[in-house]
């Protein structure tokens, strides 16, 4: 018996219940030796499931450039009537941020709050959005390339200096760079500039190993 591994298993059981809407679940355990064979242990796992919660009303606050309808249409997990879970809600928060990122709002913030509706026994969700401002690309910096020239990387990019940050263009650029077969990893980062609404785009690449004699 490894007690630390057992505790990890209990956390997995709890996470499984949380994912399926049982956010009040409690999981405990007890270990008892066998009466006839003391070297054998019996593990008793006690679960109190509590109530299963569903999603109630979903509200959006603070949005200006993107309509509430667009935001609600982007939600895939925590929609009214679906099983509620923290994991699903965080996934939808990422989806809303992605929606704003595609329109150039890379500094947009989404804060989620929940409340239990006593009348319906469902969990109401409110997404409070702080859009901030649209951000534009100032310079594009290439890092990590040793053998590959900057020019080869830049010609595959679908986003250019002066453009607003666009998630779809960045995804297409990453696909084009990966399709070259020169890189095992491509990632992005941003760096601040002197202008608040402009940031430098940093393209980080990790080159693949070339063929070698054996």
N, C-alpha and C. Protein backbone atom coordinates (compact mmCIF):
# COMPACT_ATOMS: atom_id res chain seq x y z
N UNK A 1 0.84 -1.19 0.00
CA UNK A 1 0.00 0.00 0.00
C UNK A 1 0.88 1.25 0.00
N UNK A 2 0.61 2.15 -0.94
CA UNK A 2 1.29 3.44 -0.97
C UNK A 2 0.23 4.52 -0.72
N UNK A 3 0.35 5.12 0.44
CA UNK A 3 -0.70 6.05 0.85
C UNK A 3 -0.79 7.27 -0.06
N UNK A 4 0.36 7.75 -0.55
CA UNK A 4 0.32 8.92 -1.42
C UNK A 4 -0.38 8.61 -2.74
N UNK A 5 -0.18 7.37 -3.25
CA UNK A 5 -0.85 6.96 -4.48
C UNK A 5 -2.35 6.81 -4.24
N UNK A 6 -2.72 6.29 -3.08
CA UNK A 6 -4.13 6.14 -2.73
C UNK A 6 -4.81 7.50 -2.68
N UNK A 7 -4.13 8.48 -2.09
CA UNK A 7 -4.71 9.82 -2.01
C UNK A 7 -4.88 10.45 -3.40
N UNK A 8 -3.94 10.15 -4.29
CA UNK A 8 -4.07 10.62 -5.67
C UNK A 8 -5.30 10.00 -6.32
N UNK A 9 -5.52 8.72 -6.04
CA UNK A 9 -6.69 8.04 -6.60
C UNK A 9 -7.99 8.66 -6.07
N UNK A 10 -8.00 9.03 -4.81
CA UNK A 10 -9.19 9.65 -4.24
C UNK A 10 -9.46 11.00 -4.91
N UNK A 11 -8.39 11.74 -5.21
CA UNK A 11 -8.55 13.01 -5.92
C UNK A 11 -9.13 12.79 -7.32
N UNK A 12 -8.71 11.68 -7.95
CA UNK A 12 -9.25 11.36 -9.28
C UNK A 12 -10.74 11.04 -9.19
N UNK A 13 -11.12 10.32 -8.14
CA UNK A 13 -12.55 10.00 -7.93
C UNK A 13 -13.35 11.29 -7.74
N UNK A 14 -12.80 12.20 -6.92
CA UNK A 14 -13.47 13.47 -6.67
C UNK A 14 -13.57 14.29 -7.96
N UNK A 15 -12.50 14.32 -8.74
CA UNK A 15 -12.50 15.06 -10.01
C UNK A 15 -13.51 14.48 -10.98
N UNK A 16 -13.65 13.15 -10.97
CA UNK A 16 -14.63 12.48 -11.83
C UNK A 16 -16.04 12.93 -11.47
N UNK A 17 -16.34 12.98 -10.18
CA UNK A 17 -17.67 13.42 -9.73
C UNK A 17 -17.90 14.89 -10.06
N UNK A 18 -16.88 15.73 -9.82
CA UNK A 18 -16.99 17.16 -10.13
C UNK A 18 -17.32 17.38 -11.61
N UNK A 19 -16.64 16.60 -12.46
CA UNK A 19 -16.85 16.73 -13.90
C UNK A 19 -18.27 16.37 -14.29
N UNK A 20 -18.91 15.54 -13.49
CA UNK A 20 -20.27 15.11 -13.80
C UNK A 20 -21.33 15.84 -12.98
N UNK A 21 -20.97 17.02 -12.45
CA UNK A 21 -21.95 17.88 -11.81
C UNK A 21 -22.10 17.75 -10.31
N UNK A 22 -21.35 16.84 -9.68
CA UNK A 22 -21.46 16.64 -8.23
C UNK A 22 -20.38 17.49 -7.54
N UNK A 23 -20.63 18.79 -7.45
CA UNK A 23 -19.59 19.69 -6.95
C UNK A 23 -19.48 19.67 -5.43
N UNK A 24 -20.46 19.07 -4.73
CA UNK A 24 -20.41 18.98 -3.26
C UNK A 24 -19.86 17.64 -2.77
N UNK A 25 -19.41 16.78 -3.67
CA UNK A 25 -19.00 15.43 -3.30
C UNK A 25 -17.85 15.45 -2.29
N UNK A 26 -17.89 14.52 -1.37
CA UNK A 26 -16.77 14.31 -0.45
C UNK A 26 -16.32 12.86 -0.56
N UNK A 27 -15.01 12.66 -0.52
CA UNK A 27 -14.43 11.32 -0.66
C UNK A 27 -13.46 11.09 0.49
N UNK A 28 -13.66 10.01 1.21
CA UNK A 28 -12.80 9.67 2.34
C UNK A 28 -12.47 8.18 2.26
N UNK A 29 -11.54 7.74 3.12
CA UNK A 29 -11.17 6.32 3.07
C UNK A 29 -10.75 5.83 4.46
N UNK A 30 -10.76 4.50 4.57
CA UNK A 30 -10.28 3.86 5.80
C UNK A 30 -9.57 2.57 5.42
N UNK A 31 -8.47 2.29 6.08
CA UNK A 31 -7.70 1.07 5.80
C UNK A 31 -7.76 0.16 7.02
N UNK A 32 -8.16 -1.11 6.79
CA UNK A 32 -8.24 -2.08 7.89
C UNK A 32 -7.50 -3.35 7.50
N UNK A 33 -6.76 -3.94 8.43
CA UNK A 33 -6.07 -5.21 8.13
C UNK A 33 -7.07 -6.37 8.11
N UNK A 34 -6.76 -7.37 7.33
CA UNK A 34 -7.58 -8.57 7.27
C UNK A 34 -7.48 -9.31 8.61
N UNK A 35 -8.61 -9.85 9.06
CA UNK A 35 -8.65 -10.51 10.37
C UNK A 35 -7.75 -11.75 10.38
N UNK A 36 -7.80 -12.54 9.33
CA UNK A 36 -7.04 -13.79 9.29
C UNK A 36 -5.64 -13.60 8.72
N UNK A 37 -5.50 -12.65 7.82
CA UNK A 37 -4.19 -12.40 7.20
C UNK A 37 -3.84 -10.92 7.38
N UNK A 38 -3.22 -10.57 8.49
CA UNK A 38 -2.94 -9.16 8.81
C UNK A 38 -2.08 -8.43 7.78
N UNK A 39 -1.35 -9.19 6.98
CA UNK A 39 -0.50 -8.53 5.98
C UNK A 39 -1.33 -8.06 4.77
N UNK A 40 -2.59 -8.48 4.72
CA UNK A 40 -3.49 -8.00 3.67
C UNK A 40 -4.33 -6.85 4.22
N UNK A 41 -4.51 -5.83 3.41
CA UNK A 41 -5.27 -4.65 3.85
C UNK A 41 -6.53 -4.48 3.02
N UNK A 42 -7.60 -4.08 3.70
CA UNK A 42 -8.85 -3.76 3.02
C UNK A 42 -9.00 -2.24 2.99
N UNK A 43 -9.27 -1.70 1.81
CA UNK A 43 -9.46 -0.25 1.67
C UNK A 43 -10.94 0.03 1.46
N UNK A 44 -11.48 0.85 2.32
CA UNK A 44 -12.88 1.25 2.22
C UNK A 44 -12.95 2.72 1.78
N UNK A 45 -13.52 2.95 0.62
CA UNK A 45 -13.66 4.32 0.11
C UNK A 45 -15.11 4.75 0.33
N UNK A 46 -15.28 5.84 1.07
CA UNK A 46 -16.62 6.35 1.38
C UNK A 46 -16.90 7.61 0.55
N UNK A 47 -17.99 7.57 -0.17
CA UNK A 47 -18.36 8.69 -1.04
C UNK A 47 -19.73 9.24 -0.63
N UNK A 48 -19.78 10.53 -0.42
CA UNK A 48 -21.06 11.24 -0.25
C UNK A 48 -21.24 12.12 -1.49
N UNK A 49 -22.12 11.69 -2.34
CA UNK A 49 -22.24 12.33 -3.65
C UNK A 49 -22.79 13.75 -3.57
N UNK A 50 -23.75 14.00 -2.73
CA UNK A 50 -24.42 15.30 -2.72
C UNK A 50 -25.32 15.43 -3.94
N UNK A 51 -25.69 16.64 -4.27
CA UNK A 51 -26.61 16.89 -5.39
C UNK A 51 -25.85 17.01 -6.71
N UNK A 52 -26.56 16.65 -7.77
CA UNK A 52 -26.01 16.85 -9.11
C UNK A 52 -26.55 18.18 -9.64
N UNK A 53 -25.63 19.07 -10.05
CA UNK A 53 -26.03 20.41 -10.46
C UNK A 53 -25.99 20.58 -11.98
N UNK A 54 -27.00 21.28 -12.47
CA UNK A 54 -27.06 21.63 -13.88
C UNK A 54 -26.88 23.14 -14.03
N UNK A 55 -26.57 23.57 -15.25
CA UNK A 55 -26.39 25.00 -15.53
C UNK A 55 -27.74 25.67 -15.66
N UNK A 56 -27.87 26.81 -14.99
CA UNK A 56 -29.11 27.59 -15.08
C UNK A 56 -28.97 28.71 -16.10
N UNK A 57 -29.07 29.95 -15.64
CA UNK A 57 -28.95 31.10 -16.53
C UNK A 57 -27.48 31.44 -16.77
N UNK A 58 -27.18 31.89 -17.97
CA UNK A 58 -25.83 32.34 -18.31
C UNK A 58 -25.92 33.80 -18.75
N UNK A 59 -25.23 34.68 -18.03
CA UNK A 59 -25.29 36.11 -18.31
C UNK A 59 -23.91 36.62 -18.74
N UNK A 60 -23.91 37.66 -19.55
CA UNK A 60 -22.67 38.28 -20.02
C UNK A 60 -22.72 39.77 -19.69
N UNK A 61 -21.65 40.29 -19.12
CA UNK A 61 -21.58 41.71 -18.76
C UNK A 61 -20.28 42.32 -19.28
N UNK A 62 -20.33 43.61 -19.62
CA UNK A 62 -19.12 44.35 -19.99
C UNK A 62 -18.75 44.28 -21.45
N UNK A 63 -19.43 43.47 -22.24
CA UNK A 63 -19.10 43.35 -23.66
C UNK A 63 -19.61 44.55 -24.44
N UNK A 64 -18.83 45.02 -25.41
CA UNK A 64 -19.21 46.15 -26.25
C UNK A 64 -19.05 45.82 -27.73
N UNK A 65 -17.86 45.39 -28.11
CA UNK A 65 -17.59 45.14 -29.52
C UNK A 65 -18.20 43.84 -30.02
N UNK A 66 -18.30 42.84 -29.15
CA UNK A 66 -18.89 41.55 -29.53
C UNK A 66 -20.24 41.42 -28.82
N UNK A 67 -21.25 41.06 -29.58
CA UNK A 67 -22.60 40.99 -29.02
C UNK A 67 -22.75 39.81 -28.06
N UNK A 68 -23.72 39.93 -27.17
CA UNK A 68 -24.00 38.85 -26.22
C UNK A 68 -24.37 37.56 -26.96
N UNK A 69 -25.10 37.71 -28.07
CA UNK A 69 -25.51 36.54 -28.85
C UNK A 69 -24.30 35.78 -29.39
N UNK A 70 -23.30 36.53 -29.92
CA UNK A 70 -22.08 35.89 -30.43
C UNK A 70 -21.35 35.14 -29.32
N UNK A 71 -21.28 35.77 -28.15
CA UNK A 71 -20.56 35.15 -27.03
C UNK A 71 -21.27 33.89 -26.57
N UNK A 72 -22.59 33.97 -26.42
CA UNK A 72 -23.35 32.79 -25.97
C UNK A 72 -23.29 31.67 -27.01
N UNK A 73 -23.24 32.04 -28.30
CA UNK A 73 -23.14 31.02 -29.35
C UNK A 73 -21.80 30.31 -29.32
N UNK A 74 -20.76 30.99 -28.77
CA UNK A 74 -19.42 30.38 -28.73
C UNK A 74 -19.28 29.37 -27.59
N UNK A 75 -20.21 29.39 -26.63
CA UNK A 75 -20.13 28.48 -25.49
C UNK A 75 -20.46 27.06 -25.94
N UNK A 76 -19.65 26.11 -25.49
CA UNK A 76 -19.85 24.72 -25.91
C UNK A 76 -20.15 23.77 -24.75
N UNK A 77 -19.82 24.18 -23.54
CA UNK A 77 -19.93 23.25 -22.42
C UNK A 77 -20.97 23.67 -21.39
N UNK A 78 -20.75 24.82 -20.77
CA UNK A 78 -21.67 25.28 -19.73
C UNK A 78 -22.79 26.10 -20.35
N UNK A 79 -23.76 25.40 -20.95
CA UNK A 79 -24.94 26.05 -21.49
C UNK A 79 -26.15 25.57 -20.70
N UNK A 80 -27.21 26.38 -20.62
CA UNK A 80 -28.37 26.02 -19.79
C UNK A 80 -28.86 24.60 -20.03
N UNK A 81 -29.00 23.86 -18.92
CA UNK A 81 -29.48 22.48 -18.98
C UNK A 81 -28.37 21.45 -18.98
N UNK A 82 -27.14 21.86 -19.31
CA UNK A 82 -26.01 20.94 -19.29
C UNK A 82 -25.51 20.73 -17.86
N UNK A 83 -24.75 19.66 -17.68
CA UNK A 83 -24.13 19.40 -16.38
C UNK A 83 -23.11 20.50 -16.09
N UNK A 84 -23.13 21.02 -14.85
CA UNK A 84 -22.17 22.06 -14.48
C UNK A 84 -20.90 21.45 -13.92
N UNK A 85 -19.76 22.02 -14.33
CA UNK A 85 -18.48 21.66 -13.73
C UNK A 85 -17.52 22.82 -13.90
N UNK A 86 -16.60 22.96 -12.96
CA UNK A 86 -15.59 24.03 -13.03
C UNK A 86 -14.75 23.87 -14.30
N UNK A 87 -14.41 22.63 -14.60
CA UNK A 87 -13.57 22.35 -15.78
C UNK A 87 -14.24 22.82 -17.06
N UNK A 88 -15.54 22.53 -17.18
CA UNK A 88 -16.28 22.94 -18.37
C UNK A 88 -16.39 24.46 -18.46
N UNK A 89 -16.59 25.11 -17.32
CA UNK A 89 -16.70 26.57 -17.30
C UNK A 89 -15.39 27.22 -17.72
N UNK A 90 -14.25 26.70 -17.22
CA UNK A 90 -12.95 27.25 -17.59
C UNK A 90 -12.70 27.09 -19.09
N UNK A 91 -13.19 26.00 -19.65
CA UNK A 91 -13.04 25.77 -21.08
C UNK A 91 -13.82 26.83 -21.87
N UNK A 92 -15.00 27.18 -21.40
CA UNK A 92 -15.80 28.21 -22.06
C UNK A 92 -15.17 29.59 -21.90
N UNK A 93 -14.55 29.85 -20.75
CA UNK A 93 -13.84 31.11 -20.56
C UNK A 93 -12.73 31.25 -21.60
N UNK A 94 -11.99 30.16 -21.82
CA UNK A 94 -10.94 30.17 -22.84
C UNK A 94 -11.52 30.41 -24.23
N UNK A 95 -12.72 29.88 -24.46
CA UNK A 95 -13.39 30.08 -25.75
C UNK A 95 -13.76 31.54 -25.97
N UNK A 96 -14.25 32.21 -24.92
CA UNK A 96 -14.60 33.63 -25.02
C UNK A 96 -13.35 34.46 -25.26
N UNK A 97 -12.27 34.14 -24.54
CA UNK A 97 -11.01 34.86 -24.75
C UNK A 97 -10.51 34.67 -26.18
N UNK A 98 -10.68 33.46 -26.72
CA UNK A 98 -10.29 33.20 -28.11
C UNK A 98 -11.10 34.02 -29.09
N UNK A 99 -12.38 34.19 -28.78
CA UNK A 99 -13.27 35.00 -29.62
C UNK A 99 -12.77 36.44 -29.69
N UNK A 100 -12.37 36.98 -28.55
CA UNK A 100 -11.85 38.34 -28.50
C UNK A 100 -10.46 38.43 -29.14
N UNK A 101 -9.65 37.39 -28.92
CA UNK A 101 -8.30 37.38 -29.50
C UNK A 101 -8.37 37.47 -31.02
N UNK A 102 -9.35 36.78 -31.62
CA UNK A 102 -9.50 36.80 -33.07
C UNK A 102 -9.84 38.18 -33.61
N UNK A 103 -10.34 39.05 -32.75
CA UNK A 103 -10.70 40.41 -33.17
C UNK A 103 -9.66 41.43 -32.72
N UNK A 104 -8.51 40.96 -32.22
CA UNK A 104 -7.43 41.87 -31.87
C UNK A 104 -7.38 42.28 -30.41
N UNK A 105 -8.32 41.78 -29.60
CA UNK A 105 -8.34 42.13 -28.18
C UNK A 105 -7.53 41.09 -27.39
N UNK A 106 -6.20 41.13 -27.53
CA UNK A 106 -5.40 40.09 -26.89
C UNK A 106 -5.25 40.32 -25.39
N UNK A 107 -5.67 41.51 -24.91
CA UNK A 107 -5.60 41.79 -23.47
C UNK A 107 -6.95 41.67 -22.80
N UNK A 108 -7.95 41.17 -23.52
CA UNK A 108 -9.28 41.03 -22.95
C UNK A 108 -9.25 40.05 -21.78
N UNK A 109 -10.01 40.36 -20.74
CA UNK A 109 -10.07 39.52 -19.55
C UNK A 109 -11.51 39.05 -19.32
N UNK A 110 -11.64 37.81 -18.93
CA UNK A 110 -12.96 37.23 -18.66
C UNK A 110 -12.97 36.66 -17.25
N UNK A 111 -13.84 37.18 -16.43
CA UNK A 111 -13.96 36.71 -15.04
C UNK A 111 -15.29 36.00 -14.87
N UNK A 112 -15.25 34.78 -14.35
CA UNK A 112 -16.49 34.02 -14.17
C UNK A 112 -16.91 34.00 -12.70
N UNK A 113 -18.19 34.12 -12.46
CA UNK A 113 -18.75 33.99 -11.11
C UNK A 113 -19.97 33.08 -11.18
N UNK A 114 -20.18 32.34 -10.12
CA UNK A 114 -21.32 31.41 -10.08
C UNK A 114 -22.16 31.66 -8.83
N UNK A 115 -23.43 31.31 -8.92
CA UNK A 115 -24.33 31.40 -7.77
C UNK A 115 -25.39 30.32 -7.90
N UNK A 116 -25.76 29.73 -6.77
CA UNK A 116 -26.78 28.68 -6.77
C UNK A 116 -28.15 29.33 -6.69
N UNK A 117 -28.97 29.09 -7.69
CA UNK A 117 -30.33 29.64 -7.74
C UNK A 117 -31.23 28.77 -6.87
N UNK A 118 -31.69 29.31 -5.75
CA UNK A 118 -32.50 28.53 -4.80
C UNK A 118 -33.83 28.12 -5.39
N UNK A 119 -34.34 28.90 -6.35
CA UNK A 119 -35.64 28.59 -6.94
C UNK A 119 -35.57 27.41 -7.90
N UNK A 120 -34.45 27.30 -8.63
CA UNK A 120 -34.32 26.23 -9.64
C UNK A 120 -33.34 25.15 -9.24
N UNK A 121 -32.55 25.39 -8.17
CA UNK A 121 -31.49 24.47 -7.74
C UNK A 121 -30.45 24.26 -8.85
N UNK A 122 -30.30 25.27 -9.69
CA UNK A 122 -29.30 25.22 -10.75
C UNK A 122 -28.24 26.29 -10.50
N UNK A 123 -27.10 26.13 -11.18
CA UNK A 123 -25.99 27.06 -11.02
C UNK A 123 -26.06 28.13 -12.11
N UNK A 124 -26.26 29.38 -11.72
CA UNK A 124 -26.25 30.49 -12.66
C UNK A 124 -24.81 30.98 -12.84
N UNK A 125 -24.45 31.32 -14.06
CA UNK A 125 -23.09 31.75 -14.38
C UNK A 125 -23.12 33.16 -14.96
N UNK A 126 -22.20 34.00 -14.50
CA UNK A 126 -22.04 35.34 -15.07
C UNK A 126 -20.60 35.50 -15.54
N UNK A 127 -20.45 35.90 -16.80
CA UNK A 127 -19.12 36.19 -17.35
C UNK A 127 -18.98 37.71 -17.45
N UNK A 128 -18.05 38.25 -16.67
CA UNK A 128 -17.78 39.69 -16.70
C UNK A 128 -16.56 39.93 -17.57
N UNK A 129 -16.74 40.71 -18.63
CA UNK A 129 -15.69 40.91 -19.63
C UNK A 129 -15.12 42.32 -19.55
N UNK A 130 -13.81 42.39 -19.53
CA UNK A 130 -13.10 43.67 -19.67
C UNK A 130 -12.36 43.61 -21.00
N UNK A 131 -12.89 44.33 -21.99
CA UNK A 131 -12.34 44.20 -23.35
C UNK A 131 -10.96 44.82 -23.50
N UNK A 132 -10.68 45.90 -22.80
CA UNK A 132 -9.47 46.69 -23.02
C UNK A 132 -9.45 47.18 -24.45
N UNK A 133 -8.30 47.29 -25.08
CA UNK A 133 -8.25 47.88 -26.42
C UNK A 133 -7.68 46.91 -27.44
N UNK A 134 -7.98 47.18 -28.71
CA UNK A 134 -7.41 46.37 -29.79
C UNK A 134 -5.90 46.58 -29.84
N UNK A 135 -5.17 45.50 -30.03
CA UNK A 135 -3.70 45.58 -30.07
C UNK A 135 -3.20 45.24 -31.47
N UNK A 136 -2.24 46.03 -31.93
CA UNK A 136 -1.69 45.86 -33.28
C UNK A 136 -0.25 45.35 -33.19
N UNK A 137 0.19 44.69 -34.26
CA UNK A 137 1.55 44.15 -34.33
C UNK A 137 2.51 45.28 -34.69
N UNK A 138 3.53 45.50 -33.89
CA UNK A 138 4.55 46.49 -34.21
C UNK A 138 5.66 45.83 -35.03
N UNK A 139 6.49 45.05 -34.37
CA UNK A 139 7.55 44.32 -35.09
C UNK A 139 7.32 42.82 -34.92
N UNK A 140 7.89 42.05 -35.84
CA UNK A 140 7.88 40.59 -35.72
C UNK A 140 9.31 40.12 -35.53
N UNK A 141 9.54 39.45 -34.40
CA UNK A 141 10.89 38.98 -34.07
C UNK A 141 10.93 37.46 -34.17
N UNK A 142 11.97 36.94 -34.81
CA UNK A 142 12.15 35.50 -34.98
C UNK A 142 13.25 35.03 -34.05
N UNK A 143 12.97 33.97 -33.29
CA UNK A 143 13.97 33.45 -32.35
C UNK A 143 14.03 31.92 -32.43
N UNK A 144 15.22 31.40 -32.15
CA UNK A 144 15.41 29.95 -32.08
C UNK A 144 15.94 29.32 -33.35
N UNK A 145 15.89 30.07 -34.46
CA UNK A 145 16.37 29.50 -35.73
C UNK A 145 17.89 29.65 -35.83
N UNK A 146 18.54 28.57 -36.19
CA UNK A 146 20.00 28.57 -36.35
C UNK A 146 20.34 28.34 -37.83
N UNK A 147 19.77 27.30 -38.40
CA UNK A 147 20.06 26.97 -39.79
C UNK A 147 19.09 27.67 -40.76
N UNK A 148 17.86 27.89 -40.30
CA UNK A 148 16.82 28.45 -41.18
C UNK A 148 16.88 29.97 -41.18
N UNK A 149 16.91 30.58 -42.36
CA UNK A 149 16.97 32.03 -42.47
C UNK A 149 15.63 32.66 -42.06
N UNK A 150 15.72 33.87 -41.50
CA UNK A 150 14.52 34.61 -41.11
C UNK A 150 13.54 34.76 -42.27
N UNK A 151 14.07 35.01 -43.46
CA UNK A 151 13.23 35.25 -44.63
C UNK A 151 12.30 34.08 -44.91
N UNK A 152 12.81 32.87 -44.74
CA UNK A 152 12.01 31.67 -45.00
C UNK A 152 10.83 31.61 -44.02
N UNK A 153 11.08 32.00 -42.77
CA UNK A 153 10.02 31.98 -41.77
C UNK A 153 9.02 33.10 -42.02
N UNK A 154 9.51 34.29 -42.32
CA UNK A 154 8.63 35.45 -42.50
C UNK A 154 7.68 35.28 -43.68
N UNK A 155 8.14 34.62 -44.75
CA UNK A 155 7.28 34.50 -45.92
C UNK A 155 6.11 33.54 -45.68
N UNK A 156 6.19 32.72 -44.64
CA UNK A 156 5.09 31.81 -44.31
C UNK A 156 4.06 32.44 -43.38
N UNK A 157 4.41 33.57 -42.78
CA UNK A 157 3.50 34.22 -41.83
C UNK A 157 2.35 34.90 -42.56
N UNK A 158 1.15 34.72 -42.05
CA UNK A 158 -0.04 35.37 -42.62
C UNK A 158 -0.36 36.68 -41.92
N UNK A 159 0.40 37.02 -40.89
CA UNK A 159 0.19 38.26 -40.14
C UNK A 159 1.44 39.12 -40.30
N UNK A 160 1.24 40.44 -40.41
CA UNK A 160 2.35 41.33 -40.73
C UNK A 160 2.33 42.56 -39.81
N UNK A 161 3.45 43.28 -39.71
CA UNK A 161 3.48 44.50 -38.90
C UNK A 161 2.39 45.47 -39.35
N UNK A 162 1.70 46.05 -38.38
CA UNK A 162 0.60 46.96 -38.68
C UNK A 162 -0.76 46.29 -38.60
N UNK A 163 -0.80 44.95 -38.74
CA UNK A 163 -2.07 44.22 -38.61
C UNK A 163 -2.48 44.16 -37.15
N UNK A 164 -3.77 44.04 -36.90
CA UNK A 164 -4.20 43.76 -35.54
C UNK A 164 -3.98 42.27 -35.27
N UNK A 165 -3.75 41.93 -34.04
CA UNK A 165 -3.54 40.52 -33.69
C UNK A 165 -4.78 39.73 -34.08
N UNK A 166 -4.57 38.62 -34.72
CA UNK A 166 -5.67 37.81 -35.24
C UNK A 166 -5.34 36.34 -34.98
N UNK A 167 -6.14 35.71 -34.13
CA UNK A 167 -5.88 34.32 -33.76
C UNK A 167 -5.91 33.37 -34.94
N UNK A 168 -6.85 33.61 -35.89
CA UNK A 168 -6.94 32.72 -37.05
C UNK A 168 -5.70 32.84 -37.94
N UNK A 169 -5.21 34.06 -38.14
CA UNK A 169 -4.00 34.25 -38.95
C UNK A 169 -2.79 33.61 -38.28
N UNK A 170 -2.74 33.69 -36.95
CA UNK A 170 -1.62 33.08 -36.23
C UNK A 170 -1.67 31.56 -36.33
N UNK A 171 -2.88 31.00 -36.26
CA UNK A 171 -3.02 29.54 -36.39
C UNK A 171 -2.58 29.08 -37.77
N UNK A 172 -3.01 29.83 -38.81
CA UNK A 172 -2.62 29.46 -40.18
C UNK A 172 -1.12 29.61 -40.38
N UNK A 173 -0.54 30.64 -39.78
CA UNK A 173 0.91 30.83 -39.88
C UNK A 173 1.66 29.66 -39.24
N UNK A 174 1.18 29.24 -38.08
CA UNK A 174 1.82 28.12 -37.39
C UNK A 174 1.73 26.84 -38.21
N UNK A 175 0.57 26.60 -38.82
CA UNK A 175 0.40 25.41 -39.66
C UNK A 175 1.36 25.44 -40.84
N UNK A 176 1.49 26.60 -41.48
CA UNK A 176 2.38 26.71 -42.64
C UNK A 176 3.84 26.47 -42.24
N UNK A 177 4.25 26.99 -41.08
CA UNK A 177 5.62 26.77 -40.62
C UNK A 177 5.86 25.30 -40.28
N UNK A 178 4.88 24.66 -39.64
CA UNK A 178 5.03 23.24 -39.30
C UNK A 178 5.06 22.37 -40.55
N UNK A 179 4.31 22.78 -41.57
CA UNK A 179 4.27 22.00 -42.82
C UNK A 179 5.60 22.04 -43.58
N UNK A 180 6.46 23.00 -43.26
CA UNK A 180 7.78 23.05 -43.90
C UNK A 180 8.62 21.83 -43.54
N UNK A 181 8.37 21.28 -42.34
CA UNK A 181 9.14 20.13 -41.88
C UNK A 181 10.47 20.50 -41.27
N UNK A 182 10.72 21.81 -41.09
CA UNK A 182 12.00 22.26 -40.53
C UNK A 182 11.97 22.35 -39.01
N UNK A 183 10.76 22.41 -38.43
CA UNK A 183 10.65 22.72 -37.00
C UNK A 183 9.83 21.65 -36.27
N UNK A 184 10.29 21.31 -35.08
CA UNK A 184 9.53 20.37 -34.25
C UNK A 184 8.59 21.10 -33.31
N UNK A 185 8.79 22.41 -33.16
CA UNK A 185 7.88 23.19 -32.32
C UNK A 185 7.87 24.65 -32.79
N UNK A 186 6.67 25.24 -32.79
CA UNK A 186 6.49 26.65 -33.13
C UNK A 186 5.57 27.26 -32.08
N UNK A 187 5.99 28.37 -31.49
CA UNK A 187 5.15 29.02 -30.47
C UNK A 187 5.25 30.53 -30.63
N UNK A 188 4.30 31.23 -29.96
CA UNK A 188 4.24 32.69 -30.05
C UNK A 188 4.36 33.31 -28.67
N UNK A 189 4.85 34.53 -28.66
CA UNK A 189 4.86 35.34 -27.44
C UNK A 189 4.73 36.80 -27.87
N UNK A 190 4.50 37.68 -26.90
CA UNK A 190 4.41 39.11 -27.21
C UNK A 190 5.33 39.89 -26.28
N UNK A 191 5.78 41.03 -26.74
CA UNK A 191 6.60 41.92 -25.93
C UNK A 191 6.02 43.32 -26.01
N UNK A 192 6.01 44.01 -24.88
CA UNK A 192 5.48 45.37 -24.83
C UNK A 192 6.34 46.33 -25.63
N UNK A 193 5.72 47.39 -26.13
CA UNK A 193 6.43 48.47 -26.81
C UNK A 193 6.10 49.78 -26.08
N UNK A 194 6.61 50.87 -26.59
CA UNK A 194 6.35 52.17 -25.97
C UNK A 194 4.91 52.64 -26.22
N UNK A 195 4.27 52.06 -27.22
CA UNK A 195 2.88 52.42 -27.55
C UNK A 195 1.94 51.40 -26.92
N UNK A 196 0.97 51.84 -26.10
CA UNK A 196 0.10 50.90 -25.37
C UNK A 196 -0.69 49.94 -26.26
N UNK A 197 -1.10 50.41 -27.45
CA UNK A 197 -1.93 49.54 -28.30
C UNK A 197 -1.11 48.77 -29.33
N UNK A 198 0.21 48.70 -29.14
CA UNK A 198 1.07 47.94 -30.04
C UNK A 198 1.99 47.01 -29.24
N UNK A 199 2.16 45.81 -29.77
CA UNK A 199 3.07 44.85 -29.15
C UNK A 199 3.89 44.17 -30.24
N UNK A 200 5.10 43.79 -29.87
CA UNK A 200 5.93 43.01 -30.80
C UNK A 200 5.48 41.55 -30.74
N UNK A 201 5.40 40.93 -31.89
CA UNK A 201 5.09 39.50 -31.97
C UNK A 201 6.39 38.72 -32.04
N UNK A 202 6.58 37.79 -31.12
CA UNK A 202 7.78 36.96 -31.10
C UNK A 202 7.43 35.55 -31.58
N UNK A 203 8.08 35.12 -32.64
CA UNK A 203 7.87 33.77 -33.17
C UNK A 203 9.04 32.91 -32.72
N UNK A 204 8.76 31.94 -31.86
CA UNK A 204 9.80 31.04 -31.33
C UNK A 204 9.74 29.71 -32.09
N UNK A 205 10.86 29.30 -32.65
CA UNK A 205 10.90 28.02 -33.36
C UNK A 205 11.98 27.13 -32.76
N UNK A 206 11.75 25.83 -32.85
CA UNK A 206 12.76 24.84 -32.45
C UNK A 206 12.98 23.94 -33.65
N UNK A 207 14.18 24.00 -34.20
CA UNK A 207 14.47 23.27 -35.43
C UNK A 207 14.61 21.78 -35.16
N UNK A 208 14.19 20.99 -36.16
CA UNK A 208 14.32 19.54 -36.05
C UNK A 208 15.76 19.14 -36.35
N UNK A 209 16.12 17.95 -35.89
CA UNK A 209 17.46 17.42 -36.20
C UNK A 209 17.48 16.95 -37.65
N UNK A 210 18.58 17.24 -38.33
CA UNK A 210 18.72 16.79 -39.71
C UNK A 210 19.21 15.35 -39.73
N UNK A 211 19.15 14.72 -40.89
CA UNK A 211 19.62 13.34 -41.01
C UNK A 211 21.10 13.25 -40.70
N UNK A 212 21.52 12.09 -40.17
CA UNK A 212 22.94 11.92 -39.84
C UNK A 212 23.39 10.52 -40.23
N UNK A 213 24.70 10.38 -40.41
CA UNK A 213 25.26 9.06 -40.73
C UNK A 213 25.22 8.17 -39.50
N UNK A 214 25.00 6.90 -39.69
CA UNK A 214 25.05 5.95 -38.57
C UNK A 214 26.18 4.94 -38.83
